[in-house]
């Protein structure tokens, strides 16, 4: 997939589980460059649960077209991982709807151990960057399109 030209991303990455999230960030930066997108901001959040607050600050910025949220929610002795992952995902979707800008979910978990999270670093980071770019471009095209009696395809 190419075509990230003209798309400016903000990335919020959780510091918790740093051994996983550092690799996710490196992969996301590399893939954004490969696709031609510009990463305007990289912001570190203490943990996944803290990402929405910083994502909202990025969404308010005119120069940010989309946000990529990166993190790893690893299973512990309780179901705390489920609460964190579900509430964060819900809030990020709410923010995307509120601001009319994509927020791509590159957060692995819940229900995975550290090895599983490490195995998924590449997929989650790459797919989140691709989704953010595709959505930002399609939203831009849709906003510029006008219906003239024939079906408008936005790809």
N, C-alpha and C. Protein backbone atom coordinates (compact mmCIF):
# COMPACT_ATOMS: atom_id res chain seq x y z
N UNK A 1 0.85 -1.18 0.00
CA UNK A 1 0.00 0.00 0.00
C UNK A 1 0.88 1.23 0.00
N UNK A 2 0.66 2.08 -0.94
CA UNK A 2 1.36 3.36 -0.95
C UNK A 2 0.31 4.44 -0.79
N UNK A 3 0.73 5.66 -0.82
CA UNK A 3 -0.25 6.72 -0.82
C UNK A 3 -0.44 7.44 0.49
N UNK A 4 0.57 7.43 1.33
CA UNK A 4 0.46 8.17 2.58
C UNK A 4 0.87 9.62 2.42
N UNK A 5 1.24 10.03 1.21
CA UNK A 5 1.67 11.39 0.96
C UNK A 5 0.59 12.37 1.39
N UNK A 6 1.00 13.41 2.11
CA UNK A 6 0.07 14.43 2.53
C UNK A 6 -0.68 14.11 3.80
N UNK A 7 -0.47 12.93 4.36
CA UNK A 7 -1.14 12.54 5.61
C UNK A 7 -0.16 12.77 6.76
N UNK A 8 -0.62 13.51 7.76
CA UNK A 8 0.20 13.79 8.94
C UNK A 8 -0.38 13.04 10.14
N UNK A 9 0.48 12.24 10.74
CA UNK A 9 0.07 11.39 11.85
C UNK A 9 0.57 11.91 13.18
N UNK A 10 -0.19 11.63 14.21
CA UNK A 10 0.26 11.75 15.59
C UNK A 10 0.26 10.34 16.16
N UNK A 11 1.28 10.00 16.87
CA UNK A 11 1.37 8.66 17.48
C UNK A 11 1.42 8.83 18.99
N UNK A 12 0.56 8.08 19.68
CA UNK A 12 0.61 8.00 21.14
C UNK A 12 1.00 6.57 21.48
N UNK A 13 2.07 6.43 22.24
CA UNK A 13 2.58 5.10 22.58
C UNK A 13 2.70 4.96 24.10
N UNK A 14 2.23 3.84 24.61
CA UNK A 14 2.30 3.57 26.05
C UNK A 14 3.72 3.19 26.44
N UNK A 15 4.16 3.72 27.58
CA UNK A 15 5.48 3.35 28.11
C UNK A 15 5.44 2.02 28.85
N UNK A 16 4.28 1.69 29.43
CA UNK A 16 4.15 0.43 30.17
C UNK A 16 4.35 -0.72 29.19
N UNK A 17 5.04 -1.74 29.60
CA UNK A 17 5.45 -2.86 28.73
C UNK A 17 6.39 -2.33 27.63
N UNK A 18 7.32 -1.51 28.06
CA UNK A 18 8.24 -0.80 27.16
C UNK A 18 8.97 -1.72 26.19
N UNK A 19 9.31 -2.92 26.62
CA UNK A 19 10.02 -3.83 25.72
C UNK A 19 9.19 -4.16 24.48
N UNK A 20 7.89 -4.12 24.61
CA UNK A 20 6.99 -4.37 23.48
C UNK A 20 6.69 -3.07 22.75
N UNK A 21 6.32 -2.04 23.49
CA UNK A 21 5.85 -0.80 22.86
C UNK A 21 6.97 -0.03 22.16
N UNK A 22 8.19 -0.14 22.64
CA UNK A 22 9.32 0.50 21.95
C UNK A 22 9.45 -0.07 20.54
N UNK A 23 9.35 -1.39 20.44
CA UNK A 23 9.44 -2.03 19.13
C UNK A 23 8.27 -1.64 18.24
N UNK A 24 7.09 -1.53 18.84
CA UNK A 24 5.92 -1.11 18.07
C UNK A 24 6.12 0.29 17.50
N UNK A 25 6.64 1.18 18.32
CA UNK A 25 6.87 2.55 17.86
C UNK A 25 7.88 2.58 16.72
N UNK A 26 8.96 1.85 16.85
CA UNK A 26 9.97 1.83 15.79
C UNK A 26 9.38 1.31 14.48
N UNK A 27 8.57 0.26 14.58
CA UNK A 27 7.96 -0.31 13.39
C UNK A 27 6.96 0.68 12.77
N UNK A 28 6.17 1.35 13.62
CA UNK A 28 5.19 2.31 13.13
C UNK A 28 5.87 3.48 12.42
N UNK A 29 6.95 4.00 13.00
CA UNK A 29 7.68 5.11 12.37
C UNK A 29 8.25 4.69 11.03
N UNK A 30 8.83 3.50 10.99
CA UNK A 30 9.41 2.99 9.76
C UNK A 30 8.35 2.78 8.68
N UNK A 31 7.22 2.23 9.06
CA UNK A 31 6.16 1.96 8.09
C UNK A 31 5.52 3.26 7.58
N UNK A 32 5.34 4.22 8.46
CA UNK A 32 4.80 5.52 8.03
C UNK A 32 5.73 6.16 7.00
N UNK A 33 7.03 6.10 7.27
CA UNK A 33 8.02 6.64 6.32
C UNK A 33 7.91 5.91 4.98
N UNK A 34 7.85 4.59 5.05
CA UNK A 34 7.76 3.76 3.85
C UNK A 34 6.54 4.14 3.01
N UNK A 35 5.43 4.44 3.68
CA UNK A 35 4.19 4.78 2.97
C UNK A 35 4.12 6.24 2.56
N UNK A 36 5.09 7.04 2.98
CA UNK A 36 5.13 8.44 2.58
C UNK A 36 4.37 9.38 3.49
N UNK A 37 3.90 8.90 4.63
CA UNK A 37 3.19 9.75 5.58
C UNK A 37 4.20 10.47 6.46
N UNK A 38 3.78 11.60 6.98
CA UNK A 38 4.63 12.36 7.91
C UNK A 38 4.15 12.11 9.33
N UNK A 39 5.08 11.79 10.21
CA UNK A 39 4.75 11.67 11.63
C UNK A 39 5.07 13.02 12.26
N UNK A 40 4.01 13.76 12.58
CA UNK A 40 4.17 15.11 13.12
C UNK A 40 4.48 15.10 14.61
N UNK A 41 3.90 14.16 15.35
CA UNK A 41 4.08 14.09 16.80
C UNK A 41 4.20 12.64 17.26
N UNK A 42 5.06 12.42 18.24
CA UNK A 42 5.11 11.17 18.99
C UNK A 42 5.01 11.56 20.45
N UNK A 43 3.99 11.03 21.12
CA UNK A 43 3.74 11.36 22.51
C UNK A 43 3.71 10.07 23.32
N UNK A 44 4.41 10.06 24.44
CA UNK A 44 4.43 8.88 25.30
C UNK A 44 3.41 9.03 26.42
N UNK A 45 2.61 7.98 26.59
CA UNK A 45 1.64 7.91 27.68
C UNK A 45 2.19 6.93 28.72
N UNK A 46 1.91 7.16 29.99
CA UNK A 46 2.39 6.21 31.01
C UNK A 46 1.90 4.78 30.74
N UNK A 47 0.64 4.63 30.38
CA UNK A 47 0.08 3.31 30.10
C UNK A 47 -1.00 3.41 29.05
N UNK A 48 -1.54 2.27 28.66
CA UNK A 48 -2.58 2.23 27.64
C UNK A 48 -3.81 3.03 28.07
N UNK A 49 -4.18 2.91 29.32
CA UNK A 49 -5.37 3.60 29.83
C UNK A 49 -5.25 5.12 29.70
N UNK A 50 -4.04 5.62 29.65
CA UNK A 50 -3.77 7.06 29.56
C UNK A 50 -3.74 7.59 28.13
N UNK A 51 -3.76 6.72 27.17
CA UNK A 51 -3.64 7.12 25.76
C UNK A 51 -4.76 8.06 25.31
N UNK A 52 -6.03 7.81 25.66
CA UNK A 52 -7.08 8.69 25.14
C UNK A 52 -6.91 10.18 25.44
N UNK A 53 -6.43 10.52 26.61
CA UNK A 53 -6.25 11.93 26.95
C UNK A 53 -5.26 12.61 26.00
N UNK A 54 -4.16 11.93 25.72
CA UNK A 54 -3.15 12.49 24.83
C UNK A 54 -3.60 12.41 23.37
N UNK A 55 -4.34 11.38 23.03
CA UNK A 55 -4.89 11.28 21.67
C UNK A 55 -5.82 12.45 21.39
N UNK A 56 -6.63 12.82 22.39
CA UNK A 56 -7.54 13.95 22.20
C UNK A 56 -6.78 15.25 21.98
N UNK A 57 -5.69 15.43 22.70
CA UNK A 57 -4.87 16.64 22.50
C UNK A 57 -4.33 16.69 21.08
N UNK A 58 -3.95 15.55 20.53
CA UNK A 58 -3.46 15.51 19.15
C UNK A 58 -4.59 15.74 18.15
N UNK A 59 -5.75 15.18 18.41
CA UNK A 59 -6.89 15.35 17.51
C UNK A 59 -7.33 16.80 17.40
N UNK A 60 -7.09 17.57 18.43
CA UNK A 60 -7.43 19.00 18.41
C UNK A 60 -6.49 19.81 17.52
N UNK A 61 -5.35 19.26 17.20
CA UNK A 61 -4.37 19.99 16.39
C UNK A 61 -4.76 19.93 14.92
N UNK A 62 -4.80 21.11 14.32
CA UNK A 62 -5.16 21.23 12.90
C UNK A 62 -4.24 20.40 12.01
N UNK A 63 -2.96 20.36 12.35
CA UNK A 63 -1.99 19.70 11.48
C UNK A 63 -1.97 18.18 11.60
N UNK A 64 -2.78 17.61 12.47
CA UNK A 64 -2.83 16.15 12.61
C UNK A 64 -4.07 15.63 11.89
N UNK A 65 -3.85 14.74 10.93
CA UNK A 65 -4.95 14.15 10.17
C UNK A 65 -5.50 12.89 10.83
N UNK A 66 -4.65 12.17 11.56
CA UNK A 66 -5.05 10.91 12.18
C UNK A 66 -4.10 10.60 13.33
N UNK A 67 -4.59 9.79 14.26
CA UNK A 67 -3.78 9.38 15.41
C UNK A 67 -3.64 7.86 15.40
N UNK A 68 -2.45 7.41 15.73
CA UNK A 68 -2.17 5.98 15.90
C UNK A 68 -1.90 5.74 17.37
N UNK A 69 -2.67 4.84 17.98
CA UNK A 69 -2.50 4.49 19.39
C UNK A 69 -1.77 3.15 19.47
N UNK A 70 -0.64 3.14 20.18
CA UNK A 70 0.17 1.93 20.30
C UNK A 70 0.33 1.52 21.76
N UNK A 71 0.15 0.26 22.04
CA UNK A 71 0.33 -0.23 23.39
C UNK A 71 0.16 -1.74 23.44
N UNK A 72 0.47 -2.29 24.59
CA UNK A 72 0.34 -3.73 24.81
C UNK A 72 -0.29 -3.96 26.17
N UNK A 73 -1.44 -4.63 26.18
CA UNK A 73 -2.14 -4.95 27.41
C UNK A 73 -1.91 -6.44 27.66
N UNK A 74 -1.10 -6.73 28.65
CA UNK A 74 -0.69 -8.11 28.93
C UNK A 74 -1.45 -8.64 30.14
N UNK A 75 -1.88 -9.89 30.03
CA UNK A 75 -2.68 -10.53 31.07
C UNK A 75 -1.89 -10.69 32.36
N UNK A 76 -2.57 -10.36 33.46
CA UNK A 76 -2.00 -10.57 34.79
C UNK A 76 -2.83 -11.61 35.52
N UNK A 77 -2.83 -11.52 36.84
CA UNK A 77 -3.53 -12.50 37.67
C UNK A 77 -5.03 -12.24 37.73
N UNK A 78 -5.48 -11.05 37.31
CA UNK A 78 -6.90 -10.71 37.37
C UNK A 78 -7.38 -10.35 35.97
N UNK A 79 -8.58 -9.89 35.86
CA UNK A 79 -9.15 -9.49 34.57
C UNK A 79 -8.95 -7.99 34.31
N UNK A 80 -8.02 -7.38 35.03
CA UNK A 80 -7.72 -5.97 34.87
C UNK A 80 -7.37 -5.63 33.43
N UNK A 81 -6.70 -6.53 32.74
CA UNK A 81 -6.32 -6.30 31.35
C UNK A 81 -7.54 -6.10 30.46
N UNK A 82 -8.61 -6.81 30.75
CA UNK A 82 -9.83 -6.66 29.95
C UNK A 82 -10.46 -5.29 30.15
N UNK A 83 -10.49 -4.84 31.38
CA UNK A 83 -11.05 -3.52 31.68
C UNK A 83 -10.26 -2.43 30.95
N UNK A 84 -8.95 -2.50 31.06
CA UNK A 84 -8.08 -1.50 30.42
C UNK A 84 -8.29 -1.49 28.91
N UNK A 85 -8.20 -2.64 28.28
CA UNK A 85 -8.30 -2.73 26.82
C UNK A 85 -9.67 -2.29 26.32
N UNK A 86 -10.73 -2.76 26.95
CA UNK A 86 -12.08 -2.44 26.47
C UNK A 86 -12.41 -0.96 26.65
N UNK A 87 -12.08 -0.41 27.81
CA UNK A 87 -12.40 1.00 28.06
C UNK A 87 -11.58 1.92 27.16
N UNK A 88 -10.33 1.58 26.94
CA UNK A 88 -9.48 2.41 26.08
C UNK A 88 -9.97 2.37 24.64
N UNK A 89 -10.29 1.18 24.14
CA UNK A 89 -10.77 1.06 22.76
C UNK A 89 -12.07 1.85 22.58
N UNK A 90 -12.97 1.76 23.53
CA UNK A 90 -14.25 2.47 23.45
C UNK A 90 -14.02 3.99 23.42
N UNK A 91 -13.16 4.47 24.30
CA UNK A 91 -12.89 5.91 24.37
C UNK A 91 -12.22 6.41 23.10
N UNK A 92 -11.30 5.63 22.54
CA UNK A 92 -10.63 6.04 21.31
C UNK A 92 -11.62 6.15 20.16
N UNK A 93 -12.57 5.22 20.09
CA UNK A 93 -13.59 5.30 19.04
C UNK A 93 -14.48 6.53 19.25
N UNK A 94 -14.82 6.79 20.50
CA UNK A 94 -15.61 7.99 20.81
C UNK A 94 -14.88 9.26 20.36
N UNK A 95 -13.57 9.31 20.58
CA UNK A 95 -12.80 10.48 20.18
C UNK A 95 -12.74 10.63 18.66
N UNK A 96 -12.59 9.51 17.95
CA UNK A 96 -12.58 9.57 16.49
C UNK A 96 -13.89 10.15 15.97
N UNK A 97 -14.99 9.71 16.55
CA UNK A 97 -16.29 10.22 16.13
C UNK A 97 -16.45 11.70 16.50
N UNK A 98 -16.01 12.07 17.68
CA UNK A 98 -16.14 13.45 18.15
C UNK A 98 -15.39 14.43 17.25
N UNK A 99 -14.16 14.07 16.85
CA UNK A 99 -13.32 14.98 16.09
C UNK A 99 -13.36 14.75 14.58
N UNK A 100 -14.00 13.67 14.15
CA UNK A 100 -14.07 13.39 12.72
C UNK A 100 -12.72 13.06 12.11
N UNK A 101 -11.84 12.51 12.94
CA UNK A 101 -10.52 12.10 12.47
C UNK A 101 -10.27 10.67 12.92
N UNK A 102 -9.54 9.90 12.14
CA UNK A 102 -9.27 8.51 12.51
C UNK A 102 -8.37 8.39 13.74
N UNK A 103 -8.68 7.40 14.55
CA UNK A 103 -7.80 6.97 15.64
C UNK A 103 -7.62 5.48 15.44
N UNK A 104 -6.45 5.08 14.98
CA UNK A 104 -6.19 3.67 14.68
C UNK A 104 -5.72 2.93 15.91
N UNK A 105 -6.29 1.77 16.13
CA UNK A 105 -6.03 0.98 17.32
C UNK A 105 -4.88 -0.01 17.08
N UNK A 106 -3.71 0.35 17.56
CA UNK A 106 -2.54 -0.53 17.50
C UNK A 106 -2.20 -1.02 18.90
N UNK A 107 -3.23 -1.45 19.62
CA UNK A 107 -3.05 -1.91 21.00
C UNK A 107 -3.34 -3.40 21.04
N UNK A 108 -2.34 -4.18 21.38
CA UNK A 108 -2.53 -5.63 21.47
C UNK A 108 -3.10 -6.01 22.83
N UNK A 109 -3.84 -7.09 22.87
CA UNK A 109 -4.47 -7.55 24.11
C UNK A 109 -5.94 -7.21 24.08
N UNK A 110 -6.64 -7.60 25.08
CA UNK A 110 -6.23 -8.31 26.29
C UNK A 110 -6.08 -9.81 26.03
N UNK A 111 -5.77 -10.52 27.09
CA UNK A 111 -5.71 -11.97 27.02
C UNK A 111 -4.45 -12.53 26.38
N UNK A 112 -3.37 -11.78 26.39
CA UNK A 112 -2.13 -12.32 25.83
C UNK A 112 -0.98 -12.15 26.83
N UNK A 113 -0.02 -13.04 26.70
CA UNK A 113 1.17 -12.95 27.54
C UNK A 113 2.23 -12.13 26.81
N UNK A 114 3.36 -11.92 27.47
CA UNK A 114 4.42 -11.08 26.91
C UNK A 114 4.95 -11.64 25.58
N UNK A 115 5.12 -12.95 25.51
CA UNK A 115 5.64 -13.54 24.26
C UNK A 115 4.66 -13.34 23.11
N UNK A 116 3.38 -13.51 23.38
CA UNK A 116 2.38 -13.29 22.35
C UNK A 116 2.37 -11.83 21.90
N UNK A 117 2.52 -10.93 22.85
CA UNK A 117 2.57 -9.50 22.51
C UNK A 117 3.78 -9.20 21.63
N UNK A 118 4.92 -9.77 21.96
CA UNK A 118 6.13 -9.55 21.16
C UNK A 118 5.97 -10.11 19.75
N UNK A 119 5.29 -11.24 19.64
CA UNK A 119 5.07 -11.85 18.32
C UNK A 119 4.17 -10.99 17.44
N UNK A 120 3.36 -10.13 18.04
CA UNK A 120 2.40 -9.33 17.31
C UNK A 120 2.82 -7.88 17.09
N UNK A 121 4.00 -7.53 17.50
CA UNK A 121 4.50 -6.15 17.38
C UNK A 121 4.35 -5.63 15.96
N UNK A 122 4.87 -6.36 15.01
CA UNK A 122 4.89 -5.90 13.63
C UNK A 122 3.48 -5.72 13.08
N UNK A 123 2.63 -6.72 13.28
CA UNK A 123 1.27 -6.65 12.73
C UNK A 123 0.48 -5.49 13.29
N UNK A 124 0.48 -5.32 14.60
CA UNK A 124 -0.32 -4.26 15.21
C UNK A 124 0.17 -2.87 14.81
N UNK A 125 1.47 -2.68 14.81
CA UNK A 125 2.01 -1.36 14.44
C UNK A 125 1.77 -1.06 12.97
N UNK A 126 2.07 -2.00 12.11
CA UNK A 126 1.91 -1.80 10.66
C UNK A 126 0.45 -1.58 10.29
N UNK A 127 -0.43 -2.42 10.81
CA UNK A 127 -1.85 -2.30 10.46
C UNK A 127 -2.47 -1.01 10.98
N UNK A 128 -2.05 -0.57 12.15
CA UNK A 128 -2.59 0.68 12.69
C UNK A 128 -2.17 1.87 11.83
N UNK A 129 -0.93 1.90 11.41
CA UNK A 129 -0.45 2.99 10.54
C UNK A 129 -1.21 2.96 9.21
N UNK A 130 -1.35 1.78 8.63
CA UNK A 130 -2.07 1.67 7.36
C UNK A 130 -3.53 2.11 7.49
N UNK A 131 -4.18 1.69 8.56
CA UNK A 131 -5.59 2.07 8.77
C UNK A 131 -5.72 3.59 8.93
N UNK A 132 -4.82 4.19 9.71
CA UNK A 132 -4.87 5.64 9.92
C UNK A 132 -4.71 6.38 8.60
N UNK A 133 -3.78 5.95 7.79
CA UNK A 133 -3.54 6.62 6.50
C UNK A 133 -4.72 6.43 5.56
N UNK A 134 -5.20 5.19 5.44
CA UNK A 134 -6.34 4.93 4.55
C UNK A 134 -7.57 5.75 4.96
N UNK A 135 -7.87 5.73 6.25
CA UNK A 135 -9.04 6.47 6.72
C UNK A 135 -8.89 7.97 6.52
N UNK A 136 -7.72 8.50 6.80
CA UNK A 136 -7.50 9.94 6.62
C UNK A 136 -7.66 10.34 5.16
N UNK A 137 -7.11 9.54 4.26
CA UNK A 137 -7.23 9.84 2.83
C UNK A 137 -8.67 9.73 2.35
N UNK A 138 -9.36 8.68 2.80
CA UNK A 138 -10.74 8.48 2.35
C UNK A 138 -11.68 9.54 2.92
N UNK A 139 -11.44 9.94 4.16
CA UNK A 139 -12.25 11.03 4.72
C UNK A 139 -12.04 12.32 3.94
N UNK A 140 -10.78 12.59 3.59
CA UNK A 140 -10.48 13.79 2.80
C UNK A 140 -11.19 13.74 1.45
N UNK A 141 -11.11 12.60 0.78
CA UNK A 141 -11.76 12.44 -0.52
C UNK A 141 -13.28 12.55 -0.40
N UNK A 142 -13.83 11.95 0.64
CA UNK A 142 -15.27 12.00 0.84
C UNK A 142 -15.75 13.43 1.09
N UNK A 143 -14.98 14.18 1.85
CA UNK A 143 -15.35 15.57 2.14
C UNK A 143 -15.28 16.43 0.88
N UNK A 144 -14.38 16.08 -0.02
CA UNK A 144 -14.22 16.85 -1.26
C UNK A 144 -15.18 16.40 -2.36
N UNK A 145 -15.74 15.20 -2.23
CA UNK A 145 -16.61 14.64 -3.26
C UNK A 145 -17.99 15.29 -3.23
N UNK A 146 -18.64 15.28 -4.39
CA UNK A 146 -20.02 15.76 -4.44
C UNK A 146 -20.83 14.81 -5.33
N UNK A 147 -22.00 14.51 -4.88
CA UNK A 147 -22.90 13.62 -5.60
C UNK A 147 -23.53 14.38 -6.77
N UNK A 148 -23.45 13.77 -7.96
CA UNK A 148 -24.02 14.40 -9.15
C UNK A 148 -24.89 13.42 -9.91
N UNK A 149 -25.66 12.62 -9.17
CA UNK A 149 -26.59 11.71 -9.81
C UNK A 149 -26.03 10.32 -10.08
N UNK A 150 -24.75 10.13 -9.85
CA UNK A 150 -24.14 8.81 -10.04
C UNK A 150 -23.40 8.43 -8.78
N UNK A 151 -23.28 7.15 -8.56
CA UNK A 151 -22.60 6.64 -7.37
C UNK A 151 -21.18 7.17 -7.29
N UNK A 152 -20.80 7.64 -6.12
CA UNK A 152 -19.44 8.12 -5.88
C UNK A 152 -18.70 7.03 -5.14
N UNK A 153 -17.61 6.55 -5.69
CA UNK A 153 -16.78 5.54 -5.04
C UNK A 153 -15.57 6.21 -4.41
N UNK A 154 -15.36 5.97 -3.15
CA UNK A 154 -14.21 6.53 -2.45
C UNK A 154 -13.35 5.36 -1.98
N UNK A 155 -12.18 5.23 -2.56
CA UNK A 155 -11.28 4.12 -2.23
C UNK A 155 -9.94 4.64 -1.77
